[in-house]
Amino acid sequence: MLTKKELKEYCDNARENYLAHISIDCVVFGFHEGLLKVLVLTMKNGGECYLPGGFVRKKEPIEMAANRILKERTGLDEIFLQQFHVFGDPERSKEHFEMYKDMIPAKQNWFNNRFLTIGYYALVDFSDAIPNPDPLSVACTWCDLNDVPELRLDHTLILKTALDTLRLQLNYQPIGYNLMPKEFTMPELQKLYETILDKKLDRRNFQRRMLGFGILNRSEQPRKGGAHKAPYLYSFDLENYKAALREGFKGGW
């Protein structure tokens, strides 16, 4: 449980070091055992759930702030991070203010500000991420996309908008480098796409299109073991992958 002293120290630090009215909220996606995962914070007061987020330091570029927040929550550097929307409903911070109004005077309550929040989504390696709660939270955990608990404020809308944007990205940019292991089979990559799109894809068409993008390298030997014909292992051609991110490609699933 957050104490009045802890809350006052948090608000004092925020007023001194961060910009009022601007926040960042992040949708962090990971992929594990065929399921798309999302990082969720559980708050100290009441156990409400939110997406990871934070504030922008007074002399800090927005992109640097987003990368800092993601590193604090996941321990990862150089992750795929995409700004996707700005959320600015005038009442979006009211619930957070009400949560702490009896613990601290309104003038000292950092959440008395109206915040425009900049939405980012991140694609991270599930196995390398080390979820870490922020000062107002007791836990930062992975949840299955289809089993995310009720999110407070407008964070359900932020998550939905991020997922819609990610699905749109599949039509013109590659996905997978930050979500798949170093080596993977074509069925494993197809499962990632099907999970994100929430629909089945034709196996032959998927393989033909992915190979046509020129972003995959196939190993000389198939994966060892298994009773059936062993599938070949693939890895991303990082140079071509980055070029596809910059230049895009025509597509549509």
C-alpha atoms as a PDB file:
ATOM      1  CA  MET A   1       0.000   0.000   0.000  1.00  0.00           C
ATOM      2  CA  LEU A   2       1.322   3.441  -0.951  1.00  0.00           C
ATOM      3  CA  THR A   3       1.769   5.690   2.098  1.00  0.00           C
ATOM      4  CA  LYS A   4       1.048   9.435   2.205  1.00  0.00           C
ATOM      5  CA  LYS A   5       4.761  10.081   2.594  1.00  0.00           C
ATOM      6  CA  GLU A   6       5.615   7.974  -0.457  1.00  0.00           C
ATOM      7  CA  LEU A   7       2.927   9.707  -2.515  1.00  0.00           C
ATOM      8  CA  LYS A   8       4.106  13.185  -1.476  1.00  0.00           C
ATOM      9  CA  GLU A   9       7.716  12.321  -2.329  1.00  0.00           C
ATOM     10  CA  TYR A  10       6.614  10.972  -5.714  1.00  0.00           C
ATOM     11  CA  CYS A  11       4.599  14.112  -6.541  1.00  0.00           C
ATOM     12  CA  ASP A  12       7.352  16.475  -5.322  1.00  0.00           C
ATOM     13  CA  ASN A  13       9.912  14.666  -7.474  1.00  0.00           C
ATOM     14  CA  ALA A  14       7.570  14.767 -10.478  1.00  0.00           C
ATOM     15  CA  ARG A  15       6.976  18.522 -10.209  1.00  0.00           C
ATOM     16  CA  GLU A  16      10.699  19.203  -9.868  1.00  0.00           C
ATOM     17  CA  ASN A  17      11.993  16.972 -12.646  1.00  0.00           C
ATOM     18  CA  TYR A  18       9.254  16.283 -15.198  1.00  0.00           C
ATOM     19  CA  LEU A  19       7.082  18.193 -17.649  1.00  0.00           C
ATOM     20  CA  ALA A  20       3.506  18.671 -16.530  1.00  0.00           C
ATOM     21  CA  HIS A  21       0.713  17.757 -18.965  1.00  0.00           C
ATOM     22  CA  ILE A  22       2.768  15.245 -21.027  1.00  0.00           C
ATOM     23  CA  SER A  23       3.027  11.523 -20.295  1.00  0.00           C
ATOM     24  CA  ILE A  24       4.025   8.387 -22.185  1.00  0.00           C
ATOM     25  CA  ASP A  25       2.138   5.098 -22.140  1.00  0.00           C
ATOM     26  CA  CYS A  26       3.654   1.972 -23.648  1.00  0.00           C
ATOM     27  CA  VAL A  27       2.131  -1.210 -24.998  1.00  0.00           C
ATOM     28  CA  VAL A  28       4.901  -3.800 -24.695  1.00  0.00           C
ATOM     29  CA  PHE A  29       4.314  -6.911 -26.811  1.00  0.00           C
ATOM     30  CA  GLY A  30       6.166 -10.197 -26.410  1.00  0.00           C
ATOM     31  CA  PHE A  31       5.610 -13.608 -28.022  1.00  0.00           C
ATOM     32  CA  HIS A  32       5.926 -16.873 -26.083  1.00  0.00           C
ATOM     33  CA  GLU A  33       4.728 -20.426 -26.759  1.00  0.00           C
ATOM     34  CA  GLY A  34       2.432 -19.303 -29.551  1.00  0.00           C
ATOM     35  CA  LEU A  35       0.773 -16.534 -27.532  1.00  0.00           C
ATOM     36  CA  LEU A  36       1.064 -12.762 -27.820  1.00  0.00           C
ATOM     37  CA  LYS A  37       1.838 -11.234 -24.419  1.00  0.00           C
ATOM     38  CA  VAL A  38       1.392  -7.720 -23.007  1.00  0.00           C
ATOM     39  CA  LEU A  39       3.145  -6.157 -20.009  1.00  0.00           C
ATOM     40  CA  VAL A  40       0.740  -4.937 -17.299  1.00  0.00           C
ATOM     41  CA  LEU A  41       1.404  -3.003 -14.076  1.00  0.00           C
ATOM     42  CA  THR A  42      -0.507  -3.694 -10.859  1.00  0.00           C
ATOM     43  CA  MET A  43      -0.754  -0.636  -8.603  1.00  0.00           C
ATOM     44  CA  LYS A  44      -0.005  -0.511  -4.873  1.00  0.00           C
ATOM     45  CA  ASN A  45      -3.292   1.185  -3.999  1.00  0.00           C
ATOM     46  CA  GLY A  46      -6.201  -1.129  -4.735  1.00  0.00           C
ATOM     47  CA  GLY A  47      -4.538  -3.422  -7.250  1.00  0.00           C
ATOM     48  CA  GLU A  48      -5.762  -1.549 -10.330  1.00  0.00           C
ATOM     49  CA  CYS A  49      -4.018  -2.444 -13.580  1.00  0.00           C
ATOM     50  CA  TYR A  50      -2.382  -0.131 -16.091  1.00  0.00           C
ATOM     51  CA  LEU A  51      -0.017  -0.201 -19.015  1.00  0.00           C
ATOM     52  CA  PRO A  52       3.597   0.766 -18.271  1.00  0.00           C
ATOM     53  CA  GLY A  53       4.234   4.476 -18.612  1.00  0.00           C
ATOM     54  CA  GLY A  54       5.968   7.503 -17.234  1.00  0.00           C
ATOM     55  CA  PHE A  55       6.764  11.168 -17.696  1.00  0.00           C
ATOM     56  CA  VAL A  56       9.168  13.244 -19.778  1.00  0.00           C
ATOM     57  CA  ARG A  57      12.091  14.938 -18.066  1.00  0.00           C
ATOM     58  CA  LYS A  58      12.227  18.709 -18.522  1.00  0.00           C
ATOM     59  CA  LYS A  59      15.204  18.644 -20.897  1.00  0.00           C
ATOM     60  CA  GLU A  60      14.639  15.218 -22.445  1.00  0.00           C
ATOM     61  CA  PRO A  61      13.612  14.463 -26.052  1.00  0.00           C
ATOM     62  CA  ILE A  62      10.353  12.517 -26.329  1.00  0.00           C
ATOM     63  CA  GLU A  63      11.959   9.501 -28.046  1.00  0.00           C
ATOM     64  CA  MET A  64      14.675   9.332 -25.396  1.00  0.00           C
ATOM     65  CA  ALA A  65      12.019   9.407 -22.667  1.00  0.00           C
ATOM     66  CA  ALA A  66      10.158   6.497 -24.278  1.00  0.00           C
ATOM     67  CA  ASN A  67      13.339   4.423 -24.534  1.00  0.00           C
ATOM     68  CA  ARG A  68      14.239   5.221 -20.921  1.00  0.00           C
ATOM     69  CA  ILE A  69      10.801   4.174 -19.664  1.00  0.00           C
ATOM     70  CA  LEU A  70      10.941   0.928 -21.636  1.00  0.00           C
ATOM     71  CA  LYS A  71      14.407   0.132 -20.307  1.00  0.00           C
ATOM     72  CA  GLU A  72      13.192   0.761 -16.742  1.00  0.00           C
ATOM     73  CA  ARG A  73      10.266  -1.636 -17.251  1.00  0.00           C
ATOM     74  CA  THR A  74      12.030  -4.355 -19.284  1.00  0.00           C
ATOM     75  CA  GLY A  75      15.789  -3.942 -18.795  1.00  0.00           C
ATOM     76  CA  LEU A  76      16.215  -3.909 -22.582  1.00  0.00           C
ATOM     77  CA  ASP A  77      18.041  -1.497 -24.898  1.00  0.00           C
ATOM     78  CA  GLU A  78      17.668  -1.015 -28.652  1.00  0.00           C
ATOM     79  CA  ILE A  79      14.169  -2.456 -28.908  1.00  0.00           C
ATOM     80  CA  PHE A  80      11.644  -1.805 -31.667  1.00  0.00           C
ATOM     81  CA  LEU A  81       9.641   1.187 -30.460  1.00  0.00           C
ATOM     82  CA  GLN A  82       6.940   2.900 -32.513  1.00  0.00           C
ATOM     83  CA  GLN A  83       4.937   6.022 -31.659  1.00  0.00           C
ATOM     84  CA  PHE A  84       1.362   5.406 -32.776  1.00  0.00           C
ATOM     85  CA  HIS A  85      -1.122   7.900 -31.299  1.00  0.00           C
ATOM     86  CA  VAL A  86      -1.690  10.809 -28.891  1.00  0.00           C
ATOM     87  CA  PHE A  87      -4.534  10.448 -26.385  1.00  0.00           C
ATOM     88  CA  GLY A  88      -5.955  13.676 -24.969  1.00  0.00           C
ATOM     89  CA  ASP A  89      -9.426  13.254 -23.489  1.00  0.00           C
ATOM     90  CA  PRO A  90      -9.829  16.125 -20.951  1.00  0.00           C
ATOM     91  CA  GLU A  91     -11.112  13.673 -18.317  1.00  0.00           C
ATOM     92  CA  ARG A  92      -8.499  10.934 -18.833  1.00  0.00           C
ATOM     93  CA  SER A  93      -6.528  11.811 -15.642  1.00  0.00           C
ATOM     94  CA  LYS A  94      -9.541  12.464 -13.410  1.00  0.00           C
ATOM     95  CA  GLU A  95      -9.744   8.895 -12.113  1.00  0.00           C
ATOM     96  CA  HIS A  96      -6.074   8.938 -11.118  1.00  0.00           C
ATOM     97  CA  PHE A  97      -6.544  12.235  -9.281  1.00  0.00           C
ATOM     98  CA  GLU A  98      -9.583  10.873  -7.424  1.00  0.00           C
ATOM     99  CA  MET A  99      -7.566   7.851  -6.335  1.00  0.00           C
ATOM    100  CA  TYR A 100      -5.180   9.988  -4.293  1.00  0.00           C
ATOM    101  CA  LYS A 101      -7.289  13.054  -3.432  1.00  0.00           C
ATOM    102  CA  ASP A 102      -7.785  12.016   0.204  1.00  0.00           C
ATOM    103  CA  MET A 103      -4.060  11.369   0.692  1.00  0.00           C
ATOM    104  CA  ILE A 104      -2.596  14.672  -0.500  1.00  0.00           C
ATOM    105  CA  PRO A 105      -3.864  18.265  -1.066  1.00  0.00           C
ATOM    106  CA  ALA A 106      -4.960  19.016  -4.625  1.00  0.00           C
ATOM    107  CA  LYS A 107      -2.196  21.589  -5.191  1.00  0.00           C
ATOM    108  CA  GLN A 108       0.419  18.974  -4.302  1.00  0.00           C
ATOM    109  CA  ASN A 109      -1.230  16.183  -6.271  1.00  0.00           C
ATOM    110  CA  TRP A 110       0.745  15.677  -9.482  1.00  0.00           C
ATOM    111  CA  PHE A 111      -2.246  13.938 -11.020  1.00  0.00           C
ATOM    112  CA  ASN A 112      -4.264  17.160 -10.755  1.00  0.00           C
ATOM    113  CA  ASN A 113      -2.652  18.045 -14.096  1.00  0.00           C
ATOM    114  CA  ARG A 114      -4.377  17.257 -17.378  1.00  0.00           C
ATOM    115  CA  PHE A 115      -2.067  14.884 -19.266  1.00  0.00           C
ATOM    116  CA  LEU A 116      -1.789  14.333 -22.983  1.00  0.00           C
ATOM    117  CA  THR A 117      -0.246  10.897 -23.321  1.00  0.00           C
ATOM    118  CA  ILE A 118       1.873   9.769 -26.249  1.00  0.00           C
ATOM    119  CA  GLY A 119       1.320   6.117 -27.095  1.00  0.00           C
ATOM    120  CA  TYR A 120       4.196   3.840 -28.094  1.00  0.00           C
ATOM    121  CA  TYR A 121       4.206   0.152 -28.793  1.00  0.00           C
ATOM    122  CA  ALA A 122       7.303  -1.970 -28.329  1.00  0.00           C
ATOM    123  CA  LEU A 123       8.209  -5.423 -29.639  1.00  0.00           C
ATOM    124  CA  VAL A 124      10.579  -7.208 -27.280  1.00  0.00           C
ATOM    125  CA  ASP A 125      12.212 -10.585 -26.812  1.00  0.00           C
ATOM    126  CA  PHE A 126      10.065 -12.263 -24.161  1.00  0.00           C
ATOM    127  CA  SER A 127      12.916 -14.400 -22.827  1.00  0.00           C
ATOM    128  CA  ASP A 128      15.308 -11.443 -22.416  1.00  0.00           C
ATOM    129  CA  ALA A 129      12.880  -8.998 -20.816  1.00  0.00           C
ATOM    130  CA  ILE A 130      13.023  -8.569 -17.033  1.00  0.00           C
ATOM    131  CA  PRO A 131       9.695  -6.982 -16.008  1.00  0.00           C
ATOM    132  CA  ASN A 132      10.181  -4.368 -13.299  1.00  0.00           C
ATOM    133  CA  PRO A 133       7.407  -2.362 -11.547  1.00  0.00           C
ATOM    134  CA  ASP A 134       7.502   1.428 -11.257  1.00  0.00           C
ATOM    135  CA  PRO A 135       7.398   3.298  -7.885  1.00  0.00           C
ATOM    136  CA  LEU A 136       3.587   3.243  -7.750  1.00  0.00           C
ATOM    137  CA  SER A 137       3.269  -0.472  -8.575  1.00  0.00           C
ATOM    138  CA  VAL A 138       3.704  -3.803  -6.827  1.00  0.00           C
ATOM    139  CA  ALA A 139       4.120  -5.922  -9.961  1.00  0.00           C
ATOM    140  CA  CYS A 140       4.919  -5.770 -13.657  1.00  0.00           C
ATOM    141  CA  THR A 141       3.852  -9.005 -15.328  1.00  0.00           C
ATOM    142  CA  TRP A 142       3.191 -10.575 -18.717  1.00  0.00           C
ATOM    143  CA  CYS A 143      -0.453 -11.285 -19.542  1.00  0.00           C
ATOM    144  CA  ASP A 144      -1.841 -13.207 -22.510  1.00  0.00           C
ATOM    145  CA  LEU A 145      -3.392 -10.756 -24.964  1.00  0.00           C
ATOM    146  CA  ASN A 146      -6.748 -12.534 -24.614  1.00  0.00           C
ATOM    147  CA  ASP A 147      -6.542 -12.536 -20.822  1.00  0.00           C
ATOM    148  CA  VAL A 148      -5.525  -8.958 -19.995  1.00  0.00           C
ATOM    149  CA  PRO A 149      -7.235  -7.778 -16.783  1.00  0.00           C
ATOM    150  CA  GLU A 150      -9.453  -4.694 -16.784  1.00  0.00           C
ATOM    151  CA  LEU A 151      -7.256  -1.657 -17.428  1.00  0.00           C
ATOM    152  CA  ARG A 152      -8.009   1.706 -15.818  1.00  0.00           C
ATOM    153  CA  LEU A 153      -8.099   5.201 -17.318  1.00  0.00           C
ATOM    154  CA  ASP A 154      -8.122   4.923 -21.129  1.00  0.00           C
ATOM    155  CA  HIS A 155      -5.562   2.132 -21.234  1.00  0.00           C
ATOM    156  CA  THR A 156      -7.938  -0.374 -22.837  1.00  0.00           C
ATOM    157  CA  LEU A 157      -8.324   2.063 -25.744  1.00  0.00           C
ATOM    158  CA  ILE A 158      -4.531   2.545 -25.879  1.00  0.00           C
ATOM    159  CA  LEU A 159      -3.995  -1.227 -26.053  1.00  0.00           C
ATOM    160  CA  LYS A 160      -6.634  -1.655 -28.772  1.00  0.00           C
ATOM    161  CA  THR A 161      -5.184   1.193 -30.831  1.00  0.00           C
ATOM    162  CA  ALA A 162      -1.680  -0.257 -30.512  1.00  0.00           C
ATOM    163  CA  LEU A 163      -2.857  -3.678 -31.660  1.00  0.00           C
ATOM    164  CA  ASP A 164      -4.728  -2.167 -34.620  1.00  0.00           C
ATOM    165  CA  THR A 165      -1.580  -0.256 -35.591  1.00  0.00           C
ATOM    166  CA  LEU A 166       0.582  -3.373 -35.261  1.00  0.00           C
ATOM    167  CA  ARG A 167      -1.794  -5.293 -37.530  1.00  0.00           C
ATOM    168  CA  LEU A 168      -1.653  -2.479 -40.058  1.00  0.00           C
ATOM    169  CA  GLN A 169       2.151  -2.549 -39.952  1.00  0.00           C
ATOM    170  CA  LEU A 170       2.109  -6.158 -41.150  1.00  0.00           C
ATOM    171  CA  ASN A 171       0.837  -4.887 -44.498  1.00  0.00           C
ATOM    172  CA  TYR A 172       3.865  -2.730 -45.261  1.00  0.00           C
ATOM    173  CA  GLN A 173       6.683  -3.541 -42.818  1.00  0.00           C
ATOM    174  CA  PRO A 174       8.195  -6.767 -41.468  1.00  0.00           C
ATOM    175  CA  ILE A 175       7.433  -8.065 -37.980  1.00  0.00           C
ATOM    176  CA  GLY A 176       9.273 -10.710 -36.019  1.00  0.00           C
ATOM    177  CA  TYR A 177      12.903  -9.785 -35.449  1.00  0.00           C
ATOM    178  CA  ASN A 178      12.270  -8.609 -31.886  1.00  0.00           C
ATOM    179  CA  LEU A 179       9.670 -11.285 -31.136  1.00  0.00           C
ATOM    180  CA  MET A 180      11.138 -14.532 -32.485  1.00  0.00           C
ATOM    181  CA  PRO A 181      14.198 -16.481 -31.290  1.00  0.00           C
ATOM    182  CA  LYS A 182      17.390 -16.225 -33.342  1.00  0.00           C
ATOM    183  CA  GLU A 183      16.376 -19.284 -35.374  1.00  0.00           C
ATOM    184  CA  PHE A 184      12.835 -20.430 -36.070  1.00  0.00           C
ATOM    185  CA  THR A 185      10.793 -22.508 -38.473  1.00  0.00           C
ATOM    186  CA  MET A 186       8.394 -21.131 -41.048  1.00  0.00           C
ATOM    187  CA  PRO A 187       5.370 -22.581 -39.157  1.00  0.00           C
ATOM    188  CA  GLU A 188       6.561 -20.777 -36.007  1.00  0.00           C
ATOM    189  CA  LEU A 189       6.794 -17.478 -37.880  1.00  0.00           C
ATOM    190  CA  GLN A 190       3.374 -18.077 -39.428  1.00  0.00           C
ATOM    191  CA  LYS A 191       1.947 -18.686 -35.957  1.00  0.00           C
ATOM    192  CA  LEU A 192       3.230 -15.257 -34.884  1.00  0.00           C
ATOM    193  CA  TYR A 193       1.478 -13.568 -37.814  1.00  0.00           C
ATOM    194  CA  GLU A 194      -1.729 -15.521 -37.229  1.00  0.00           C
ATOM    195  CA  THR A 195      -1.701 -14.632 -33.537  1.00  0.00           C
ATOM    196  CA  ILE A 196      -1.295 -10.921 -34.230  1.00  0.00           C
ATOM    197  CA  LEU A 197      -3.893 -10.897 -37.023  1.00  0.00           C
ATOM    198  CA  ASP A 198      -6.225 -13.278 -35.168  1.00  0.00           C
ATOM    199  CA  LYS A 199      -6.899 -15.320 -38.302  1.00  0.00           C
ATOM    200  CA  LYS A 200      -5.571 -18.351 -40.166  1.00  0.00           C
ATOM    201  CA  LEU A 201      -3.227 -17.887 -43.118  1.00  0.00           C
ATOM    202  CA  ASP A 202      -2.642 -20.218 -46.046  1.00  0.00           C
ATOM    203  CA  ARG A 203       0.646 -22.046 -45.463  1.00  0.00           C
ATOM    204  CA  ARG A 204       1.944 -21.976 -49.031  1.00  0.00           C
ATOM    205  CA  ASN A 205       0.989 -18.356 -49.664  1.00  0.00           C
ATOM    206  CA  PHE A 206       2.563 -17.293 -46.390  1.00  0.00           C
ATOM    207  CA  GLN A 207       5.860 -19.048 -47.131  1.00  0.00           C
ATOM    208  CA  ARG A 208       5.997 -17.699 -50.689  1.00  0.00           C
ATOM    209  CA  ARG A 209       5.377 -14.136 -49.566  1.00  0.00           C
ATOM    210  CA  MET A 210       7.828 -14.218 -46.663  1.00  0.00           C
ATOM    211  CA  LEU A 211      10.596 -15.610 -48.862  1.00  0.00           C
ATOM    212  CA  GLY A 212       9.725 -13.046 -51.535  1.00  0.00           C
ATOM    213  CA  PHE A 213      10.402 -10.190 -49.134  1.00  0.00           C
ATOM    214  CA  GLY A 214      14.080 -11.172 -49.041  1.00  0.00           C
ATOM    215  CA  ILE A 215      14.395 -10.741 -45.276  1.00  0.00           C
ATOM    216  CA  LEU A 216      14.996 -14.407 -44.331  1.00  0.00           C
ATOM    217  CA  ASN A 217      18.040 -16.653 -44.458  1.00  0.00           C
ATOM    218  CA  ARG A 218      17.489 -20.424 -44.553  1.00  0.00           C
ATOM    219  CA  SER A 219      19.898 -22.740 -42.779  1.00  0.00           C
ATOM    220  CA  GLU A 220      21.565 -25.495 -44.799  1.00  0.00           C
ATOM    221  CA  GLN A 221      20.305 -28.212 -42.456  1.00  0.00           C
ATOM    222  CA  PRO A 222      16.758 -28.775 -41.168  1.00  0.00           C
ATOM    223  CA  ARG A 223      15.941 -28.877 -37.481  1.00  0.00           C
ATOM    224  CA  LYS A 224      17.037 -32.172 -35.967  1.00  0.00           C
ATOM    225  CA  GLY A 225      14.686 -34.561 -34.170  1.00  0.00           C
ATOM    226  CA  GLY A 226      10.968 -35.239 -34.463  1.00  0.00           C
ATOM    227  CA  ALA A 227       9.035 -38.075 -36.019  1.00  0.00           C
ATOM    228  CA  HIS A 228       8.019 -36.186 -39.175  1.00  0.00           C
ATOM    229  CA  LYS A 229      10.017 -34.443 -41.871  1.00  0.00           C
ATOM    230  CA  ALA A 230      12.087 -31.854 -40.061  1.00  0.00           C
ATOM    231  CA  PRO A 231      11.389 -28.230 -41.094  1.00  0.00           C
ATOM    232  CA  TYR A 232      14.203 -25.911 -42.093  1.00  0.00           C
ATOM    233  CA  LEU A 233      15.373 -23.227 -39.693  1.00  0.00           C
ATOM    234  CA  TYR A 234      15.312 -19.579 -40.705  1.00  0.00           C
ATOM    235  CA  SER A 235      16.844 -16.399 -39.332  1.00  0.00           C
ATOM    236  CA  PHE A 236      16.333 -12.770 -40.250  1.00  0.00           C
ATOM    237  CA  ASP A 237      18.742 -11.064 -42.628  1.00  0.00           C
ATOM    238  CA  LEU A 238      19.198  -8.023 -40.396  1.00  0.00           C
ATOM    239  CA  GLU A 239      20.450  -5.681 -43.138  1.00  0.00           C
ATOM    240  CA  ASN A 240      17.524  -6.467 -45.428  1.00  0.00           C
ATOM    241  CA  TYR A 241      15.110  -6.439 -42.487  1.00  0.00           C
ATOM    242  CA  LYS A 242      16.163  -2.897 -41.495  1.00  0.00           C
ATOM    243  CA  ALA A 243      15.889  -1.791 -45.123  1.00  0.00           C
ATOM    244  CA  ALA A 244      12.328  -3.155 -45.250  1.00  0.00           C
ATOM    245  CA  LEU A 245      11.494  -1.229 -42.068  1.00  0.00           C
ATOM    246  CA  ARG A 246      12.771   1.979 -43.675  1.00  0.00           C
ATOM    247  CA  GLU A 247      11.409   1.518 -47.169  1.00  0.00           C
ATOM    248  CA  GLY A 248       8.413  -0.747 -46.598  1.00  0.00           C
ATOM    249  CA  PHE A 249       6.908  -3.191 -49.046  1.00  0.00           C
ATOM    250  CA  LYS A 250       3.558  -3.711 -50.668  1.00  0.00           C
ATOM    251  CA  GLY A 251       1.398  -6.356 -49.153  1.00  0.00           C
ATOM    252  CA  GLY A 252      -1.769  -7.208 -47.307  1.00  0.00           C
ATOM    253  CA  TRP A 253      -2.822 -10.260 -45.348  1.00  0.00           C
END
